[in-house]
C-alpha atoms as a PDB file:
ATOM      1  CA  MET A   1       0.000   0.000   0.000  1.00  0.00           C
ATOM      2  CA  THR A   2       1.398   3.376  -0.972  1.00  0.00           C
ATOM      3  CA  THR A   3      -1.170   6.000  -0.017  1.00  0.00           C
ATOM      4  CA  SER A   4       0.326   8.426   2.517  1.00  0.00           C
ATOM      5  CA  GLN A   5      -1.285   9.301   5.811  1.00  0.00           C
ATOM      6  CA  ALA A   6      -1.657  12.890   4.617  1.00  0.00           C
ATOM      7  CA  ASP A   7      -3.594  11.718   1.559  1.00  0.00           C
ATOM      8  CA  LYS A   8      -5.787   9.455   3.693  1.00  0.00           C
ATOM      9  CA  VAL A   9      -6.540  12.281   6.124  1.00  0.00           C
ATOM     10  CA  ALA A  10      -7.424  14.623   3.256  1.00  0.00           C
ATOM     11  CA  ALA A  11      -9.710  12.027   1.686  1.00  0.00           C
ATOM     12  CA  PHE A  12     -11.390  11.299   5.018  1.00  0.00           C
ATOM     13  CA  ARG A  13     -12.001  14.949   5.752  1.00  0.00           C
ATOM     14  CA  ALA A  14     -13.446  15.445   2.269  1.00  0.00           C
ATOM     15  CA  LEU A  15     -15.967  12.666   2.901  1.00  0.00           C
ATOM     16  CA  HIS A  16     -17.317  14.638   5.872  1.00  0.00           C
ATOM     17  CA  GLU A  17     -17.964  17.807   3.897  1.00  0.00           C
ATOM     18  CA  THR A  18     -21.135  16.812   2.022  1.00  0.00           C
ATOM     19  CA  GLY A  19     -23.493  13.881   1.664  1.00  0.00           C
ATOM     20  CA  CYS A  20     -23.496  10.728   3.778  1.00  0.00           C
ATOM     21  CA  PHE A  21     -21.037   7.850   3.524  1.00  0.00           C
ATOM     22  CA  ALA A  22     -20.903   4.281   4.795  1.00  0.00           C
ATOM     23  CA  LEU A  23     -18.117   3.522   7.273  1.00  0.00           C
ATOM     24  CA  PRO A  24     -17.905  -0.271   7.768  1.00  0.00           C
ATOM     25  CA  ASN A  25     -15.900  -1.797  10.598  1.00  0.00           C
ATOM     26  CA  PRO A  26     -13.355  -4.512   9.759  1.00  0.00           C
ATOM     27  CA  TRP A  27     -11.972  -6.521  12.658  1.00  0.00           C
ATOM     28  CA  ASP A  28      -8.726  -7.711  11.053  1.00  0.00           C
ATOM     29  CA  VAL A  29      -6.508  -7.165   8.018  1.00  0.00           C
ATOM     30  CA  GLY A  30      -8.387  -9.680   5.871  1.00  0.00           C
ATOM     31  CA  SER A  31     -11.790  -8.083   6.436  1.00  0.00           C
ATOM     32  CA  ALA A  32     -10.275  -4.628   5.839  1.00  0.00           C
ATOM     33  CA  ARG A  33      -8.947  -5.697   2.461  1.00  0.00           C
ATOM     34  CA  TYR A  34     -12.224  -7.331   1.472  1.00  0.00           C
ATOM     35  CA  LEU A  35     -14.141  -4.175   2.342  1.00  0.00           C
ATOM     36  CA  GLN A  36     -11.744  -2.091   0.261  1.00  0.00           C
ATOM     37  CA  ALA A  37     -12.193  -4.520  -2.647  1.00  0.00           C
ATOM     38  CA  LEU A  38     -15.971  -4.115  -2.402  1.00  0.00           C
ATOM     39  CA  GLY A  39     -15.642  -0.379  -3.027  1.00  0.00           C
ATOM     40  CA  PHE A  40     -16.055   1.315   0.358  1.00  0.00           C
ATOM     41  CA  ARG A  41     -14.308   4.666   0.642  1.00  0.00           C
ATOM     42  CA  ALA A  42     -13.210   4.531   4.298  1.00  0.00           C
ATOM     43  CA  LEU A  43     -13.023   2.061   7.169  1.00  0.00           C
ATOM     44  CA  ALA A  44     -13.302   2.173  10.949  1.00  0.00           C
ATOM     45  CA  SER A  45     -11.918  -0.239  13.490  1.00  0.00           C
ATOM     46  CA  THR A  46     -14.207  -1.973  15.979  1.00  0.00           C
ATOM     47  CA  SER A  47     -12.947  -2.474  19.509  1.00  0.00           C
ATOM     48  CA  ALA A  48     -15.471  -5.263  20.072  1.00  0.00           C
ATOM     49  CA  GLY A  49     -14.753  -7.093  16.818  1.00  0.00           C
ATOM     50  CA  PHE A  50     -11.000  -6.976  17.353  1.00  0.00           C
ATOM     51  CA  ALA A  51     -11.386  -8.151  20.945  1.00  0.00           C
ATOM     52  CA  TRP A  52     -13.506 -11.126  19.821  1.00  0.00           C
ATOM     53  CA  SER A  53     -10.836 -12.063  17.285  1.00  0.00           C
ATOM     54  CA  LEU A  54      -8.437 -12.455  20.230  1.00  0.00           C
ATOM     55  CA  GLY A  55     -10.905 -14.420  22.334  1.00  0.00           C
ATOM     56  CA  LYS A  56     -11.559 -11.469  24.630  1.00  0.00           C
ATOM     57  CA  MET A  57     -14.478  -9.223  25.455  1.00  0.00           C
ATOM     58  CA  ASP A  58     -14.778  -5.572  24.518  1.00  0.00           C
ATOM     59  CA  TYR A  59     -12.825  -3.250  26.844  1.00  0.00           C
ATOM     60  CA  GLN A  60     -10.398  -6.029  27.806  1.00  0.00           C
ATOM     61  CA  LEU A  61      -7.652  -4.918  25.410  1.00  0.00           C
ATOM     62  CA  THR A  62      -4.596  -2.864  26.305  1.00  0.00           C
ATOM     63  CA  VAL A  63      -3.437   0.244  24.517  1.00  0.00           C
ATOM     64  CA  GLU A  64      -0.509  -1.771  23.154  1.00  0.00           C
ATOM     65  CA  ASP A  65      -2.920  -4.351  21.691  1.00  0.00           C
ATOM     66  CA  VAL A  66      -4.908  -1.638  19.971  1.00  0.00           C
ATOM     67  CA  LEU A  67      -1.979   0.393  18.684  1.00  0.00           C
ATOM     68  CA  GLY A  68      -0.512  -2.696  17.057  1.00  0.00           C
ATOM     69  CA  HIS A  69      -3.868  -3.539  15.500  1.00  0.00           C
ATOM     70  CA  LEU A  70      -4.327  -0.008  14.157  1.00  0.00           C
ATOM     71  CA  SER A  71      -0.853  -0.011  12.630  1.00  0.00           C
ATOM     72  CA  SER A  72      -1.683  -3.270  10.850  1.00  0.00           C
ATOM     73  CA  LEU A  73      -5.003  -1.968   9.516  1.00  0.00           C
ATOM     74  CA  CYS A  74      -3.507   1.282   8.259  1.00  0.00           C
ATOM     75  CA  ALA A  75      -0.669  -0.547   6.515  1.00  0.00           C
ATOM     76  CA  ALA A  76      -3.052  -3.060   4.924  1.00  0.00           C
ATOM     77  CA  THR A  77      -5.323  -0.664   3.039  1.00  0.00           C
ATOM     78  CA  ASP A  78      -5.177   2.455   0.901  1.00  0.00           C
ATOM     79  CA  LEU A  79      -8.406   3.657   2.503  1.00  0.00           C
ATOM     80  CA  PRO A  80      -8.633   6.118   5.393  1.00  0.00           C
ATOM     81  CA  VAL A  81      -9.004   4.299   8.726  1.00  0.00           C
ATOM     82  CA  ASN A  82     -10.861   5.726  11.710  1.00  0.00           C
ATOM     83  CA  ALA A  83     -10.039   4.218  15.109  1.00  0.00           C
ATOM     84  CA  ASP A  84     -12.457   3.234  17.819  1.00  0.00           C
ATOM     85  CA  PHE A  85      -9.977   4.388  20.465  1.00  0.00           C
ATOM     86  CA  GLU A  86     -12.406   3.751  23.334  1.00  0.00           C
ATOM     87  CA  GLY A  87     -11.714   6.216  26.166  1.00  0.00           C
ATOM     88  CA  GLY A  88      -8.129   6.872  25.157  1.00  0.00           C
ATOM     89  CA  PHE A  89      -6.914   4.148  27.558  1.00  0.00           C
ATOM     90  CA  ALA A  90      -6.506   6.711  30.325  1.00  0.00           C
ATOM     91  CA  ILE A  91      -8.727   8.735  32.628  1.00  0.00           C
ATOM     92  CA  GLU A  92      -6.812  11.963  33.070  1.00  0.00           C
ATOM     93  CA  PRO A  93      -6.461  14.319  30.082  1.00  0.00           C
ATOM     94  CA  GLU A  94      -2.664  14.058  30.089  1.00  0.00           C
ATOM     95  CA  GLY A  95      -2.832  10.296  29.636  1.00  0.00           C
ATOM     96  CA  VAL A  96      -5.417  10.597  26.888  1.00  0.00           C
ATOM     97  CA  ALA A  97      -3.231  13.130  25.075  1.00  0.00           C
ATOM     98  CA  ALA A  98      -0.180  10.865  25.238  1.00  0.00           C
ATOM     99  CA  ASN A  99      -2.090   7.873  23.879  1.00  0.00           C
ATOM    100  CA  VAL A 100      -3.806   9.891  21.159  1.00  0.00           C
ATOM    101  CA  ALA A 101      -0.397  11.112  19.978  1.00  0.00           C
ATOM    102  CA  ARG A 102       0.744   7.497  19.729  1.00  0.00           C
ATOM    103  CA  ALA A 103      -2.431   6.551  17.836  1.00  0.00           C
ATOM    104  CA  ALA A 104      -1.985   9.394  15.367  1.00  0.00           C
ATOM    105  CA  ALA A 105       1.468   8.006  14.564  1.00  0.00           C
ATOM    106  CA  THR A 106       0.014   4.662  13.363  1.00  0.00           C
ATOM    107  CA  GLY A 107      -1.222   6.189  10.087  1.00  0.00           C
ATOM    108  CA  LEU A 108      -4.827   6.826  11.071  1.00  0.00           C
ATOM    109  CA  ALA A 109      -7.094   9.305   9.333  1.00  0.00           C
ATOM    110  CA  GLY A 110      -9.414   9.678  12.339  1.00  0.00           C
ATOM    111  CA  LEU A 111     -10.086   8.465  15.861  1.00  0.00           C
ATOM    112  CA  SER A 112     -12.827   8.678  18.467  1.00  0.00           C
ATOM    113  CA  ILE A 113     -12.751   9.292  22.206  1.00  0.00           C
ATOM    114  CA  GLU A 114     -15.730   8.371  24.381  1.00  0.00           C
ATOM    115  CA  ASP A 115     -16.970   9.537  27.775  1.00  0.00           C
ATOM    116  CA  ARG A 116     -17.885   6.158  29.333  1.00  0.00           C
ATOM    117  CA  SER A 117     -16.618   5.597  32.871  1.00  0.00           C
ATOM    118  CA  PRO A 118     -14.266   2.659  33.448  1.00  0.00           C
ATOM    119  CA  ALA A 119     -15.579  -0.613  34.857  1.00  0.00           C
ATOM    120  CA  GLY A 120     -16.278  -0.442  38.571  1.00  0.00           C
ATOM    121  CA  SER A 121     -17.145   3.250  38.590  1.00  0.00           C
ATOM    122  CA  ASP A 122     -20.204   4.387  40.540  1.00  0.00           C
ATOM    123  CA  ARG A 123     -21.431   6.442  37.569  1.00  0.00           C
ATOM    124  CA  PRO A 124     -21.810   5.321  33.946  1.00  0.00           C
ATOM    125  CA  LEU A 125     -20.385   8.484  32.365  1.00  0.00           C
ATOM    126  CA  LEU A 126     -17.384  10.576  33.296  1.00  0.00           C
ATOM    127  CA  ALA A 127     -18.150  13.965  34.838  1.00  0.00           C
ATOM    128  CA  LEU A 128     -18.801  16.506  32.096  1.00  0.00           C
ATOM    129  CA  ASP A 129     -15.879  18.774  33.022  1.00  0.00           C
ATOM    130  CA  LEU A 130     -13.467  15.841  32.866  1.00  0.00           C
ATOM    131  CA  ALA A 131     -14.965  14.511  29.635  1.00  0.00           C
ATOM    132  CA  VAL A 132     -14.586  17.918  27.985  1.00  0.00           C
ATOM    133  CA  ALA A 133     -11.013  18.292  29.237  1.00  0.00           C
ATOM    134  CA  ARG A 134     -10.184  14.918  27.676  1.00  0.00           C
ATOM    135  CA  ILE A 135     -11.514  16.007  24.268  1.00  0.00           C
ATOM    136  CA  ARG A 136      -9.572  19.251  24.551  1.00  0.00           C
ATOM    137  CA  ALA A 137      -6.426  17.269  25.359  1.00  0.00           C
ATOM    138  CA  ALA A 138      -6.989  14.926  22.413  1.00  0.00           C
ATOM    139  CA  ARG A 139      -7.430  17.947  20.134  1.00  0.00           C
ATOM    140  CA  ALA A 140      -4.184  19.483  21.354  1.00  0.00           C
ATOM    141  CA  ALA A 141      -2.302  16.210  20.877  1.00  0.00           C
ATOM    142  CA  ILE A 142      -3.536  15.851  17.300  1.00  0.00           C
ATOM    143  CA  ASP A 143      -2.687  19.451  16.513  1.00  0.00           C
ATOM    144  CA  ALA A 144       0.802  18.980  17.946  1.00  0.00           C
ATOM    145  CA  SER A 145       1.277  15.853  15.835  1.00  0.00           C
ATOM    146  CA  GLY A 146       0.705  17.792  12.624  1.00  0.00           C
ATOM    147  CA  THR A 147      -1.213  14.841  11.150  1.00  0.00           C
ATOM    148  CA  GLY A 148      -4.621  16.485  10.852  1.00  0.00           C
ATOM    149  CA  VAL A 149      -6.306  13.312  12.144  1.00  0.00           C
ATOM    150  CA  LEU A 150     -10.055  13.891  12.394  1.00  0.00           C
ATOM    151  CA  LEU A 151     -11.286  13.818  16.015  1.00  0.00           C
ATOM    152  CA  THR A 152     -14.685  12.313  16.818  1.00  0.00           C
ATOM    153  CA  ALA A 153     -16.156  12.768  20.297  1.00  0.00           C
ATOM    154  CA  ARG A 154     -18.632  10.159  21.521  1.00  0.00           C
ATOM    155  CA  CYS A 155     -21.313  10.494  24.183  1.00  0.00           C
ATOM    156  CA  GLU A 156     -22.100   6.974  25.426  1.00  0.00           C
ATOM    157  CA  GLY A 157     -25.249   7.832  27.398  1.00  0.00           C
ATOM    158  CA  TYR A 158     -27.618   5.822  25.205  1.00  0.00           C
ATOM    159  CA  LEU A 159     -25.443   2.718  25.566  1.00  0.00           C
ATOM    160  CA  VAL A 160     -25.078   2.837  29.361  1.00  0.00           C
ATOM    161  CA  GLY A 161     -28.648   3.510  30.447  1.00  0.00           C
ATOM    162  CA  GLU A 162     -28.596   7.298  30.491  1.00  0.00           C
ATOM    163  CA  GLY A 163     -30.208   7.811  27.108  1.00  0.00           C
ATOM    164  CA  ASN A 164     -31.806  11.189  27.680  1.00  0.00           C
ATOM    165  CA  LEU A 165     -31.654  13.631  24.809  1.00  0.00           C
ATOM    166  CA  ALA A 166     -31.063  16.897  26.693  1.00  0.00           C
ATOM    167  CA  PRO A 167     -27.882  15.837  28.540  1.00  0.00           C
ATOM    168  CA  THR A 168     -26.628  14.084  25.413  1.00  0.00           C
ATOM    169  CA  LEU A 169     -27.021  17.287  23.406  1.00  0.00           C
ATOM    170  CA  ALA A 170     -25.299  19.284  26.148  1.00  0.00           C
ATOM    171  CA  ARG A 171     -22.334  16.930  26.104  1.00  0.00           C
ATOM    172  CA  LEU A 172     -22.031  16.869  22.327  1.00  0.00           C
ATOM    173  CA  GLU A 173     -22.210  20.659  22.136  1.00  0.00           C
ATOM    174  CA  ALA A 174     -19.493  20.925  24.793  1.00  0.00           C
ATOM    175  CA  PHE A 175     -17.331  18.407  22.926  1.00  0.00           C
ATOM    176  CA  ALA A 176     -17.739  20.406  19.722  1.00  0.00           C
ATOM    177  CA  GLU A 177     -16.625  23.559  21.514  1.00  0.00           C
ATOM    178  CA  ALA A 178     -13.628  21.652  22.893  1.00  0.00           C
ATOM    179  CA  GLY A 179     -12.427  20.895  19.380  1.00  0.00           C
ATOM    180  CA  ALA A 180     -14.137  17.733  18.149  1.00  0.00           C
ATOM    181  CA  ASP A 181     -14.466  17.601  14.361  1.00  0.00           C
ATOM    182  CA  CYS A 182     -17.313  15.051  14.353  1.00  0.00           C
ATOM    183  CA  LEU A 183     -19.911  14.117  16.962  1.00  0.00           C
ATOM    184  CA  TYR A 184     -21.365  10.714  17.778  1.00  0.00           C
ATOM    185  CA  ALA A 185     -23.973   9.392  20.214  1.00  0.00           C
ATOM    186  CA  PRO A 186     -24.234   5.643  19.565  1.00  0.00           C
ATOM    187  CA  GLY A 187     -27.604   4.145  20.393  1.00  0.00           C
ATOM    188  CA  LEU A 188     -29.893   6.779  18.896  1.00  0.00           C
ATOM    189  CA  THR A 189     -32.980   5.189  17.347  1.00  0.00           C
ATOM    190  CA  LYS A 190     -35.552   7.976  16.879  1.00  0.00           C
ATOM    191  CA  ASP A 191     -35.557  10.202  13.817  1.00  0.00           C
ATOM    192  CA  GLU A 192     -36.391  13.269  15.877  1.00  0.00           C
ATOM    193  CA  ASP A 193     -33.466  12.644  18.231  1.00  0.00           C
ATOM    194  CA  ILE A 194     -31.045  12.252  15.339  1.00  0.00           C
ATOM    195  CA  ARG A 195     -32.329  15.489  13.777  1.00  0.00           C
ATOM    196  CA  ALA A 196     -31.871  17.227  17.131  1.00  0.00           C
ATOM    197  CA  VAL A 197     -28.259  16.088  17.391  1.00  0.00           C
ATOM    198  CA  VAL A 198     -27.518  17.183  13.828  1.00  0.00           C
ATOM    199  CA  ALA A 199     -29.028  20.606  14.504  1.00  0.00           C
ATOM    200  CA  ALA A 200     -27.284  21.036  17.852  1.00  0.00           C
ATOM    201  CA  VAL A 201     -23.749  20.580  16.556  1.00  0.00           C
ATOM    202  CA  ALA A 202     -24.137  21.970  13.029  1.00  0.00           C
ATOM    203  CA  PRO A 203     -22.151  22.552  10.897  1.00  0.00           C
ATOM    204  CA  ARG A 204     -20.001  19.778  12.337  1.00  0.00           C
ATOM    205  CA  PRO A 205     -20.795  16.325  10.914  1.00  0.00           C
ATOM    206  CA  VAL A 206     -22.585  13.595  12.865  1.00  0.00           C
ATOM    207  CA  ASN A 207     -21.931   9.843  12.885  1.00  0.00           C
ATOM    208  CA  VAL A 208     -24.803   7.446  13.558  1.00  0.00           C
ATOM    209  CA  LEU A 209     -24.408   3.811  14.570  1.00  0.00           C
ATOM    210  CA  ALA A 210     -26.657   1.422  12.637  1.00  0.00           C
ATOM    211  CA  PHE A 211     -28.820   0.514  15.612  1.00  0.00           C
ATOM    212  CA  ASP A 212     -32.062   0.040  13.689  1.00  0.00           C
ATOM    213  CA  TYR A 213     -31.555  -2.414  10.834  1.00  0.00           C
ATOM    214  CA  GLY A 214     -34.712  -1.167   9.143  1.00  0.00           C
ATOM    215  CA  TRP A 215     -32.863   2.030   8.275  1.00  0.00           C
ATOM    216  CA  THR A 216     -31.120   2.771   5.003  1.00  0.00           C
ATOM    217  CA  THR A 217     -28.131   5.008   4.466  1.00  0.00           C
ATOM    218  CA  GLN A 218     -30.350   7.299   2.406  1.00  0.00           C
ATOM    219  CA  HIS A 219     -32.860   7.615   5.250  1.00  0.00           C
ATOM    220  CA  LEU A 220     -30.100   8.730   7.609  1.00  0.00           C
ATOM    221  CA  ALA A 221     -28.733  11.077   4.967  1.00  0.00           C
ATOM    222  CA  ASP A 222     -32.166  12.682   4.768  1.00  0.00           C
ATOM    223  CA  LEU A 223     -31.934  13.324   8.527  1.00  0.00           C
ATOM    224  CA  GLY A 224     -28.679  15.211   7.999  1.00  0.00           C
ATOM    225  CA  VAL A 225     -26.268  12.454   9.040  1.00  0.00           C
ATOM    226  CA  ARG A 226     -22.820  12.572   7.418  1.00  0.00           C
ATOM    227  CA  ARG A 227     -21.560   9.039   8.129  1.00  0.00           C
ATOM    228  CA  VAL A 228     -23.009   5.676   9.188  1.00  0.00           C
ATOM    229  CA  SER A 229     -20.982   3.011  10.989  1.00  0.00           C
ATOM    230  CA  LEU A 230     -21.746  -0.551  12.077  1.00  0.00           C
ATOM    231  CA  GLY A 231     -19.678  -1.051  15.219  1.00  0.00           C
ATOM    232  CA  GLY A 232     -19.194  -4.772  15.812  1.00  0.00           C
ATOM    233  CA  ALA A 233     -22.135  -5.802  13.616  1.00  0.00           C
ATOM    234  CA  LEU A 234     -20.105  -7.185  10.701  1.00  0.00           C
ATOM    235  CA  ALA A 235     -17.812  -9.158  13.008  1.00  0.00           C
ATOM    236  CA  ARG A 236     -20.823 -10.446  14.962  1.00  0.00           C
ATOM    237  CA  LYS A 237     -22.477 -11.533  11.711  1.00  0.00           C
ATOM    238  CA  ALA A 238     -19.316 -13.250  10.479  1.00  0.00           C
ATOM    239  CA  TYR A 239     -18.817 -15.172  13.712  1.00  0.00           C
ATOM    240  CA  ALA A 240     -22.499 -16.092  13.925  1.00  0.00           C
ATOM    241  CA  GLU A 241     -22.526 -17.483  10.393  1.00  0.00           C
ATOM    242  CA  ALA A 242     -19.267 -19.368  10.931  1.00  0.00           C
ATOM    243  CA  MET A 243     -20.461 -20.919  14.192  1.00  0.00           C
ATOM    244  CA  HIS A 244     -23.801 -21.857  12.656  1.00  0.00           C
ATOM    245  CA  ALA A 245     -22.031 -23.588   9.759  1.00  0.00           C
ATOM    246  CA  ALA A 246     -19.583 -25.363  12.056  1.00  0.00           C
ATOM    247  CA  LYS A 247     -22.412 -26.574  14.295  1.00  0.00           C
ATOM    248  CA  GLY A 248     -24.254 -27.876  11.231  1.00  0.00           C
ATOM    249  CA  TRP A 249     -21.200 -29.878  10.208  1.00  0.00           C
ATOM    250  CA  LEU A 250     -20.707 -31.198  13.755  1.00  0.00           C
ATOM    251  CA  ASP A 251     -24.344 -32.254  14.064  1.00  0.00           C
ATOM    252  CA  THR A 252     -24.822 -33.791  10.601  1.00  0.00           C
ATOM    253  CA  GLY A 253     -21.366 -34.588   9.287  1.00  0.00           C
ATOM    254  CA  ALA A 254     -22.313 -32.873   6.022  1.00  0.00           C
ATOM    255  CA  LEU A 255     -19.405 -30.837   4.666  1.00  0.00           C
ATOM    256  CA  GLY A 256     -21.830 -28.799   2.610  1.00  0.00           C
ATOM    257  CA  ALA A 257     -22.751 -26.980   5.823  1.00  0.00           C
ATOM    258  CA  VAL A 258     -19.526 -24.991   5.665  1.00  0.00           C
ATOM    259  CA  ALA A 259     -19.524 -24.175   1.941  1.00  0.00           C
ATOM    260  CA  ALA A 260     -19.092 -20.461   1.257  1.00  0.00           C
ATOM    261  CA  GLN A 261     -21.986 -18.931  -0.692  1.00  0.00           C
ATOM    262  CA  PRO A 262     -20.930 -17.172  -2.823  1.00  0.00           C
ATOM    263  CA  PRO A 263     -17.279 -18.251  -3.075  1.00  0.00           C
ATOM    264  CA  ILE A 264     -14.883 -15.747  -1.536  1.00  0.00           C
ATOM    265  CA  PRO A 265     -13.026 -13.736  -4.240  1.00  0.00           C
ATOM    266  CA  PHE A 266      -9.511 -14.076  -2.810  1.00  0.00           C
ATOM    267  CA  GLY A 267      -7.905 -12.478  -5.837  1.00  0.00           C
ATOM    268  CA  ALA A 268     -10.032  -9.351  -5.557  1.00  0.00           C
ATOM    269  CA  ALA A 269      -8.950  -8.707  -1.982  1.00  0.00           C
ATOM    270  CA  PHE A 270      -5.387  -9.980  -1.926  1.00  0.00           C
ATOM    271  CA  GLY A 271      -4.119  -9.791  -5.498  1.00  0.00           C
END
């Protein structure tokens, strides 16, 4: 692969300027290359999908695990790669800044930082002042790196049981003021809530997680969404299909249970 990080960053930023684009989430190098071969214009890592590939659960990976994975993804594809960088693998802003600087050096075009509290905390989300300071620190680290990596700030309220629109909007607005380029509240399902988020942070772009599989990309585009991601959905689907096929073979002995339909085009992805 020969596309420079600067070119990938420029292409990724251009995708956020108009329209709405699909941002699928590969979990390893092979899936990244297949998605490029299919014609997608950008990719995003999935913390959950990568963790499953290592036999672990989401949020059980170390920063070293993730940095190595991101380096591999960026080297494997000519497409811009956005990182699910969880909470920056630190609580205090200084730690987040240091880890974001390391992530920017892997060749990424973008990364996200979320406001979820670590396991064992007595509150599901970090205090707003701390969450904002972390986004500000991530912004400063990216600016100091000179890479131009696009910074997405995530409010996790809808995923941790605090899915109220007003505080979510307040957090996203504060993150935008702190320097986030793109805003993201995974777990939104209502059209009116998505429109409210888009309006609150305009003109900054909004990412929506495909939480309602009755949606289409065009429907979300009509709501003002700039990009649509899948999180761990593709990895979950791949593992589910593989396990179903393997169980069919185990139960019946029929090798046809594991036949790929359609055949995988190895040449298209790896040639």
